[in-house]
């Protein structure tokens, strides 16, 4: 079974959403970012970490260190549903391939989602980006 699907099934079975999974180049460090509607606390991270440790033993997945945490204030936006959920927030993102004018990095107010497109109000006005073209995106926290 694919590792990310295994992680998602395990976390979702405990009532959590997997926001993102990061793995070091050699697969020795595994970071899992989880969330739920009312937020994440240390006990939530410990519960998911303990369950994943057991599952990895059964599946014979070899790793050195597992870190489970909340996505934080500058949470990554990895799914189209995340872009819909965080409409109205400031975001920054990077495109896989430069847009017209050879720009890859953008920052602006997330307006929402329309079909498979993400709508963002940038300095150049409202722009539409295909979700598939977005390489990385994060919420920009405001204090």
N, C-alpha and C. Protein backbone atom coordinates (compact mmCIF):
# COMPACT_ATOMS: atom_id res chain seq x y z
N UNK A 1 0.84 -1.18 0.00
CA UNK A 1 0.00 0.00 0.00
C UNK A 1 0.89 1.25 0.00
N UNK A 2 0.49 2.24 -0.76
CA UNK A 2 1.26 3.48 -0.83
C UNK A 2 1.29 4.13 0.55
N UNK A 3 2.45 4.68 0.92
CA UNK A 3 2.68 5.22 2.25
C UNK A 3 1.69 6.34 2.61
N UNK A 4 1.49 7.29 1.71
CA UNK A 4 0.60 8.42 2.02
C UNK A 4 -0.83 7.93 2.23
N UNK A 5 -1.29 7.00 1.41
CA UNK A 5 -2.64 6.45 1.61
C UNK A 5 -2.74 5.73 2.94
N UNK A 6 -1.69 5.02 3.33
CA UNK A 6 -1.66 4.33 4.61
C UNK A 6 -1.77 5.33 5.76
N UNK A 7 -1.01 6.42 5.67
CA UNK A 7 -1.03 7.47 6.69
C UNK A 7 -2.42 8.11 6.76
N UNK A 8 -2.98 8.44 5.58
CA UNK A 8 -4.31 9.08 5.55
C UNK A 8 -5.38 8.16 6.13
N UNK A 9 -5.37 6.89 5.77
CA UNK A 9 -6.35 5.95 6.31
C UNK A 9 -6.25 5.83 7.82
N UNK A 10 -5.04 5.78 8.32
CA UNK A 10 -4.83 5.65 9.76
C UNK A 10 -5.32 6.89 10.49
N UNK A 11 -4.91 8.06 10.03
CA UNK A 11 -5.31 9.31 10.69
C UNK A 11 -6.81 9.55 10.58
N UNK A 12 -7.37 9.32 9.40
CA UNK A 12 -8.80 9.53 9.21
C UNK A 12 -9.62 8.56 10.07
N UNK A 13 -9.10 7.35 10.26
CA UNK A 13 -9.76 6.39 11.14
C UNK A 13 -9.83 6.88 12.58
N UNK A 14 -8.91 7.76 12.96
CA UNK A 14 -8.90 8.34 14.30
C UNK A 14 -9.64 9.69 14.36
N UNK A 15 -10.15 10.15 13.19
CA UNK A 15 -10.91 11.39 13.15
C UNK A 15 -10.12 12.63 12.77
N UNK A 16 -8.95 12.45 12.14
CA UNK A 16 -8.10 13.58 11.77
C UNK A 16 -7.95 13.66 10.25
N UNK A 17 -7.67 14.86 9.77
CA UNK A 17 -7.36 15.07 8.37
C UNK A 17 -5.85 15.18 8.23
N UNK A 18 -5.29 14.52 7.25
CA UNK A 18 -3.87 14.68 6.95
C UNK A 18 -3.75 15.87 6.01
N UNK A 19 -3.07 16.90 6.48
CA UNK A 19 -2.90 18.12 5.69
C UNK A 19 -1.73 17.97 4.74
N UNK A 20 -0.64 17.40 5.24
CA UNK A 20 0.55 17.26 4.42
C UNK A 20 1.45 16.18 5.00
N UNK A 21 2.27 15.59 4.15
CA UNK A 21 3.27 14.60 4.56
C UNK A 21 4.58 15.01 3.90
N UNK A 22 5.63 15.12 4.71
CA UNK A 22 6.96 15.43 4.20
C UNK A 22 7.89 14.28 4.55
N UNK A 23 8.75 13.93 3.60
CA UNK A 23 9.71 12.87 3.85
C UNK A 23 11.08 13.34 3.41
N UNK A 24 12.09 13.08 4.24
CA UNK A 24 13.46 13.43 3.87
C UNK A 24 13.85 12.63 2.64
N UNK A 25 14.86 13.10 1.90
CA UNK A 25 15.25 12.43 0.65
C UNK A 25 15.49 10.93 0.79
N UNK A 26 16.05 10.50 1.89
CA UNK A 26 16.31 9.07 2.07
C UNK A 26 15.21 8.36 2.85
N UNK A 27 14.13 9.09 3.15
CA UNK A 27 13.00 8.49 3.84
C UNK A 27 13.24 8.21 5.31
N UNK A 28 14.25 8.82 5.89
CA UNK A 28 14.58 8.54 7.29
C UNK A 28 13.74 9.38 8.26
N UNK A 29 13.36 10.60 7.86
CA UNK A 29 12.52 11.47 8.67
C UNK A 29 11.18 11.61 7.98
N UNK A 30 10.13 11.37 8.72
CA UNK A 30 8.78 11.46 8.20
C UNK A 30 8.00 12.46 9.04
N UNK A 31 7.48 13.53 8.40
CA UNK A 31 6.67 14.53 9.09
C UNK A 31 5.24 14.43 8.59
N UNK A 32 4.31 14.36 9.53
CA UNK A 32 2.89 14.27 9.20
C UNK A 32 2.19 15.44 9.88
N UNK A 33 1.47 16.23 9.09
CA UNK A 33 0.72 17.37 9.62
C UNK A 33 -0.76 17.02 9.61
N UNK A 34 -1.38 17.09 10.79
CA UNK A 34 -2.78 16.70 10.93
C UNK A 34 -3.62 17.89 11.39
N UNK A 35 -4.92 17.79 11.18
CA UNK A 35 -5.83 18.84 11.61
C UNK A 35 -7.19 18.21 11.88
N UNK A 36 -8.00 18.93 12.62
CA UNK A 36 -9.41 18.60 12.79
C UNK A 36 -10.14 19.91 13.04
N UNK A 37 -11.43 19.87 12.93
CA UNK A 37 -12.23 21.09 12.94
C UNK A 37 -12.00 21.97 14.17
N UNK A 38 -11.88 21.37 15.34
CA UNK A 38 -11.71 22.17 16.57
C UNK A 38 -10.25 22.34 16.98
N UNK A 39 -9.32 22.07 16.06
CA UNK A 39 -7.90 22.28 16.34
C UNK A 39 -7.20 21.05 16.87
N UNK A 40 -5.89 21.18 16.99
CA UNK A 40 -5.02 20.07 17.38
C UNK A 40 -4.30 20.42 18.67
N UNK A 41 -4.15 19.42 19.54
CA UNK A 41 -3.35 19.62 20.74
C UNK A 41 -2.28 18.52 20.81
N UNK A 42 -1.47 18.57 21.84
CA UNK A 42 -0.36 17.62 21.98
C UNK A 42 -0.87 16.18 22.06
N UNK A 43 -1.97 15.97 22.75
CA UNK A 43 -2.51 14.61 22.88
C UNK A 43 -2.94 14.05 21.53
N UNK A 44 -3.50 14.91 20.68
CA UNK A 44 -3.90 14.46 19.34
C UNK A 44 -2.67 13.99 18.56
N UNK A 45 -1.61 14.76 18.63
CA UNK A 45 -0.37 14.39 17.92
C UNK A 45 0.19 13.07 18.46
N UNK A 46 0.15 12.91 19.78
CA UNK A 46 0.65 11.68 20.40
C UNK A 46 -0.19 10.47 19.98
N UNK A 47 -1.52 10.65 19.93
CA UNK A 47 -2.41 9.55 19.53
C UNK A 47 -2.11 9.09 18.11
N UNK A 48 -1.98 10.05 17.19
CA UNK A 48 -1.70 9.70 15.79
C UNK A 48 -0.30 9.10 15.66
N UNK A 49 0.66 9.67 16.36
CA UNK A 49 2.03 9.15 16.32
C UNK A 49 2.08 7.70 16.81
N UNK A 50 1.44 7.42 17.92
CA UNK A 50 1.43 6.05 18.47
C UNK A 50 0.77 5.08 17.50
N UNK A 51 -0.35 5.49 16.92
CA UNK A 51 -1.04 4.60 15.99
C UNK A 51 -0.22 4.37 14.72
N UNK A 52 0.38 5.44 14.19
CA UNK A 52 1.21 5.27 12.99
C UNK A 52 2.42 4.38 13.28
N UNK A 53 3.01 4.52 14.44
CA UNK A 53 4.15 3.68 14.81
C UNK A 53 3.76 2.20 14.77
N UNK A 54 2.58 1.89 15.32
CA UNK A 54 2.10 0.49 15.29
C UNK A 54 1.86 0.02 13.86
N UNK A 55 1.21 0.86 13.06
CA UNK A 55 0.91 0.50 11.67
C UNK A 55 2.19 0.29 10.88
N UNK A 56 3.19 1.17 11.08
CA UNK A 56 4.45 1.03 10.36
C UNK A 56 5.17 -0.26 10.74
N UNK A 57 5.05 -0.67 12.01
CA UNK A 57 5.65 -1.94 12.43
C UNK A 57 5.00 -3.11 11.69
N UNK A 58 3.68 -3.09 11.62
CA UNK A 58 2.94 -4.17 10.96
C UNK A 58 3.27 -4.19 9.46
N UNK A 59 3.35 -3.00 8.86
CA UNK A 59 3.61 -2.89 7.41
C UNK A 59 5.09 -2.98 7.07
N UNK A 60 5.95 -3.08 8.11
CA UNK A 60 7.40 -3.19 7.93
C UNK A 60 7.98 -1.99 7.18
N UNK A 61 7.50 -0.79 7.53
CA UNK A 61 8.02 0.44 6.95
C UNK A 61 9.20 0.91 7.79
N UNK A 62 10.34 1.09 7.15
CA UNK A 62 11.58 1.44 7.84
C UNK A 62 11.78 2.96 7.82
N UNK A 63 11.96 3.55 8.99
CA UNK A 63 12.21 4.99 9.12
C UNK A 63 12.97 5.20 10.42
N UNK A 64 13.59 6.38 10.58
CA UNK A 64 14.32 6.68 11.81
C UNK A 64 13.48 7.51 12.77
N UNK A 65 12.78 8.52 12.24
CA UNK A 65 12.06 9.43 13.13
C UNK A 65 10.73 9.84 12.51
N UNK A 66 9.71 9.86 13.35
CA UNK A 66 8.37 10.27 12.95
C UNK A 66 7.99 11.50 13.76
N UNK A 67 7.55 12.55 13.07
CA UNK A 67 7.06 13.76 13.73
C UNK A 67 5.63 13.99 13.29
N UNK A 68 4.73 14.16 14.25
CA UNK A 68 3.33 14.46 13.96
C UNK A 68 3.02 15.78 14.62
N UNK A 69 2.47 16.73 13.85
CA UNK A 69 2.17 18.03 14.42
C UNK A 69 0.99 18.68 13.71
N UNK A 70 0.57 19.82 14.26
CA UNK A 70 -0.48 20.61 13.61
C UNK A 70 0.15 21.32 12.41
N UNK A 71 -0.68 21.79 11.49
CA UNK A 71 -0.12 22.49 10.34
C UNK A 71 0.41 23.89 10.67
N UNK A 72 0.08 24.42 11.84
CA UNK A 72 0.58 25.73 12.26
C UNK A 72 -0.21 26.88 11.66
N UNK A 73 0.15 28.08 12.03
CA UNK A 73 -0.53 29.28 11.54
C UNK A 73 -0.29 29.51 10.06
N UNK A 74 0.90 29.11 9.58
CA UNK A 74 1.21 29.26 8.17
C UNK A 74 0.97 27.94 7.44
N UNK A 75 -0.17 27.36 7.72
CA UNK A 75 -0.50 26.03 7.24
C UNK A 75 -0.40 25.90 5.72
N UNK A 76 0.06 24.76 5.27
CA UNK A 76 0.09 24.52 3.83
C UNK A 76 -1.32 24.28 3.29
N UNK A 77 -1.54 24.67 2.07
CA UNK A 77 -2.79 24.40 1.36
C UNK A 77 -2.46 23.36 0.30
N UNK A 78 -2.85 22.13 0.55
CA UNK A 78 -2.43 21.04 -0.33
C UNK A 78 -3.56 20.42 -1.13
N UNK A 79 -4.79 20.76 -0.77
CA UNK A 79 -5.96 20.20 -1.45
C UNK A 79 -6.86 21.34 -1.89
N UNK A 80 -7.62 21.11 -2.95
CA UNK A 80 -8.52 22.14 -3.44
C UNK A 80 -9.50 22.57 -2.35
N UNK A 81 -9.92 21.62 -1.53
CA UNK A 81 -10.84 21.94 -0.42
C UNK A 81 -10.22 22.92 0.57
N UNK A 82 -8.89 22.88 0.74
CA UNK A 82 -8.22 23.82 1.64
C UNK A 82 -8.37 25.25 1.11
N UNK A 83 -8.25 25.41 -0.22
CA UNK A 83 -8.38 26.74 -0.81
C UNK A 83 -9.80 27.27 -0.62
N UNK A 84 -10.79 26.41 -0.70
CA UNK A 84 -12.17 26.84 -0.46
C UNK A 84 -12.37 27.19 1.01
N UNK A 85 -11.83 26.38 1.90
CA UNK A 85 -12.00 26.58 3.35
C UNK A 85 -11.36 27.88 3.83
N UNK A 86 -10.23 28.26 3.27
CA UNK A 86 -9.49 29.43 3.75
C UNK A 86 -9.69 30.67 2.88
N UNK A 87 -10.80 30.71 2.13
CA UNK A 87 -11.13 31.92 1.37
C UNK A 87 -11.20 33.09 2.34
N UNK A 88 -10.66 34.23 1.90
CA UNK A 88 -10.63 35.42 2.75
C UNK A 88 -9.31 35.61 3.47
N UNK A 89 -8.42 34.62 3.40
CA UNK A 89 -7.11 34.70 4.04
C UNK A 89 -6.05 35.14 3.02
N UNK A 90 -4.99 35.74 3.53
CA UNK A 90 -3.83 36.05 2.70
C UNK A 90 -3.05 34.74 2.49
N UNK A 91 -2.60 34.52 1.26
CA UNK A 91 -1.81 33.33 0.96
C UNK A 91 -0.60 33.72 0.12
N UNK A 92 0.38 32.84 0.13
CA UNK A 92 1.50 32.95 -0.81
C UNK A 92 1.64 31.58 -1.46
N UNK A 93 2.00 31.58 -2.73
CA UNK A 93 2.12 30.31 -3.43
C UNK A 93 3.10 30.41 -4.58
N UNK A 94 3.52 29.23 -5.02
CA UNK A 94 4.49 29.10 -6.09
C UNK A 94 3.89 28.19 -7.15
N UNK A 95 4.01 28.62 -8.40
CA UNK A 95 3.51 27.81 -9.51
C UNK A 95 4.58 26.81 -9.96
N UNK A 96 4.15 25.70 -10.53
CA UNK A 96 5.08 24.70 -11.05
C UNK A 96 5.88 25.27 -12.24
N UNK A 97 5.20 26.04 -13.07
CA UNK A 97 5.79 26.63 -14.26
C UNK A 97 5.44 28.13 -14.24
N UNK A 98 6.36 28.99 -14.61
CA UNK A 98 6.06 30.43 -14.58
C UNK A 98 4.82 30.79 -15.40
N UNK A 99 4.04 31.72 -14.88
CA UNK A 99 2.88 32.24 -15.60
C UNK A 99 3.37 33.28 -16.60
N UNK A 100 2.45 33.90 -17.31
CA UNK A 100 2.81 34.96 -18.26
C UNK A 100 3.65 36.01 -17.54
N UNK A 101 4.73 36.44 -18.16
CA UNK A 101 5.62 37.40 -17.53
C UNK A 101 6.67 36.73 -16.68
N UNK A 102 6.81 35.43 -16.78
CA UNK A 102 7.79 34.59 -16.07
C UNK A 102 7.77 34.74 -14.55
N UNK A 103 6.60 34.89 -13.99
CA UNK A 103 6.46 34.96 -12.53
C UNK A 103 5.97 33.62 -12.00
N UNK A 104 6.63 33.14 -10.95
CA UNK A 104 6.23 31.86 -10.32
C UNK A 104 5.69 32.07 -8.92
N UNK A 105 6.13 33.11 -8.24
CA UNK A 105 5.73 33.34 -6.85
C UNK A 105 4.68 34.44 -6.77
N UNK A 106 3.63 34.17 -6.02
CA UNK A 106 2.54 35.11 -5.88
C UNK A 106 2.14 35.23 -4.42
N UNK A 107 1.50 36.36 -4.11
CA UNK A 107 0.94 36.59 -2.79
C UNK A 107 -0.33 37.41 -2.98
N UNK A 108 -1.37 37.07 -2.23
CA UNK A 108 -2.60 37.82 -2.36
C UNK A 108 -3.70 37.30 -1.47
N UNK A 109 -4.87 37.86 -1.65
CA UNK A 109 -6.05 37.49 -0.88
C UNK A 109 -6.77 36.36 -1.59
N UNK A 110 -6.93 35.25 -0.92
CA UNK A 110 -7.62 34.09 -1.50
C UNK A 110 -9.11 34.39 -1.59
N UNK A 111 -9.64 34.42 -2.78
CA UNK A 111 -11.06 34.71 -3.00
C UNK A 111 -11.92 33.46 -2.98
N UNK A 112 -11.33 32.31 -3.27
CA UNK A 112 -12.09 31.07 -3.25
C UNK A 112 -11.72 30.16 -4.40
N UNK A 113 -12.64 29.26 -4.70
CA UNK A 113 -12.43 28.23 -5.71
C UNK A 113 -13.61 28.26 -6.67
N UNK A 114 -13.29 28.09 -7.94
CA UNK A 114 -14.33 27.98 -8.97
C UNK A 114 -13.95 26.81 -9.86
N UNK A 115 -14.67 25.72 -9.74
CA UNK A 115 -14.30 24.51 -10.47
C UNK A 115 -12.98 23.99 -9.96
N UNK A 116 -12.00 23.84 -10.85
CA UNK A 116 -10.66 23.41 -10.47
C UNK A 116 -9.68 24.58 -10.43
N UNK A 117 -10.21 25.79 -10.39
CA UNK A 117 -9.39 27.00 -10.37
C UNK A 117 -9.42 27.67 -9.01
N UNK A 118 -8.30 28.29 -8.67
CA UNK A 118 -8.16 29.05 -7.43
C UNK A 118 -8.16 30.52 -7.81
N UNK A 119 -9.01 31.31 -7.13
CA UNK A 119 -9.12 32.74 -7.41
C UNK A 119 -8.38 33.52 -6.33
N UNK A 120 -7.46 34.39 -6.77
CA UNK A 120 -6.63 35.15 -5.84
C UNK A 120 -6.60 36.61 -6.28
N UNK A 121 -6.80 37.51 -5.32
CA UNK A 121 -6.69 38.95 -5.57
C UNK A 121 -5.23 39.33 -5.30
N UNK A 122 -4.51 39.65 -6.38
CA UNK A 122 -3.10 40.05 -6.26
C UNK A 122 -2.99 41.55 -6.55
N UNK A 123 -1.79 42.08 -6.53
CA UNK A 123 -1.57 43.49 -6.87
C UNK A 123 -2.02 43.79 -8.30
N UNK A 124 -2.02 42.77 -9.15
CA UNK A 124 -2.42 42.93 -10.55
C UNK A 124 -3.92 42.73 -10.75
N UNK A 125 -4.68 42.58 -9.66
CA UNK A 125 -6.12 42.32 -9.75
C UNK A 125 -6.43 40.86 -9.50
N UNK A 126 -7.71 40.50 -9.67
CA UNK A 126 -8.09 39.11 -9.42
C UNK A 126 -7.56 38.22 -10.54
N UNK A 127 -6.91 37.14 -10.14
CA UNK A 127 -6.34 36.21 -11.10
C UNK A 127 -6.84 34.80 -10.80
N UNK A 128 -6.85 34.02 -11.85
CA UNK A 128 -7.32 32.63 -11.78
C UNK A 128 -6.14 31.72 -12.06
N UNK A 129 -5.94 30.74 -11.18
CA UNK A 129 -4.85 29.78 -11.33
C UNK A 129 -5.42 28.37 -11.27
N UNK A 130 -5.01 27.52 -12.18
CA UNK A 130 -5.43 26.12 -12.13
C UNK A 130 -4.79 25.47 -10.90
N UNK A 131 -5.59 24.76 -10.12
CA UNK A 131 -5.08 24.10 -8.92
C UNK A 131 -3.90 23.20 -9.26
N UNK A 132 -3.97 22.50 -10.37
CA UNK A 132 -2.90 21.58 -10.78
C UNK A 132 -1.58 22.30 -11.05
N UNK A 133 -1.63 23.62 -11.32
CA UNK A 133 -0.42 24.39 -11.61
C UNK A 133 0.27 24.91 -10.35
N UNK A 134 -0.37 24.78 -9.19
CA UNK A 134 0.19 25.31 -7.94
C UNK A 134 1.08 24.25 -7.30
N UNK A 135 2.36 24.60 -7.14
CA UNK A 135 3.32 23.66 -6.56
C UNK A 135 3.23 23.65 -5.04
N UNK A 136 3.27 24.84 -4.43
CA UNK A 136 3.21 24.98 -2.97
C UNK A 136 2.37 26.21 -2.64
N UNK A 137 1.61 26.12 -1.57
CA UNK A 137 0.83 27.27 -1.12
C UNK A 137 0.73 27.23 0.40
N UNK A 138 0.72 28.41 1.01
CA UNK A 138 0.61 28.54 2.46
C UNK A 138 -0.25 29.74 2.81
N UNK A 139 -0.92 29.64 3.96
CA UNK A 139 -1.63 30.78 4.52
C UNK A 139 -0.57 31.70 5.14
N UNK A 140 -0.74 33.00 4.95
CA UNK A 140 0.16 33.98 5.57
C UNK A 140 -0.54 34.47 6.83
N UNK A 141 0.00 34.15 8.01
CA UNK A 141 -0.67 34.55 9.24
C UNK A 141 -0.62 36.07 9.44
N UNK A 142 -1.69 36.61 9.99
CA UNK A 142 -1.72 38.03 10.31
C UNK A 142 -1.84 38.17 11.82
N UNK A 143 -1.11 39.11 12.36
CA UNK A 143 -1.11 39.31 13.82
C UNK A 143 -1.60 40.69 14.16
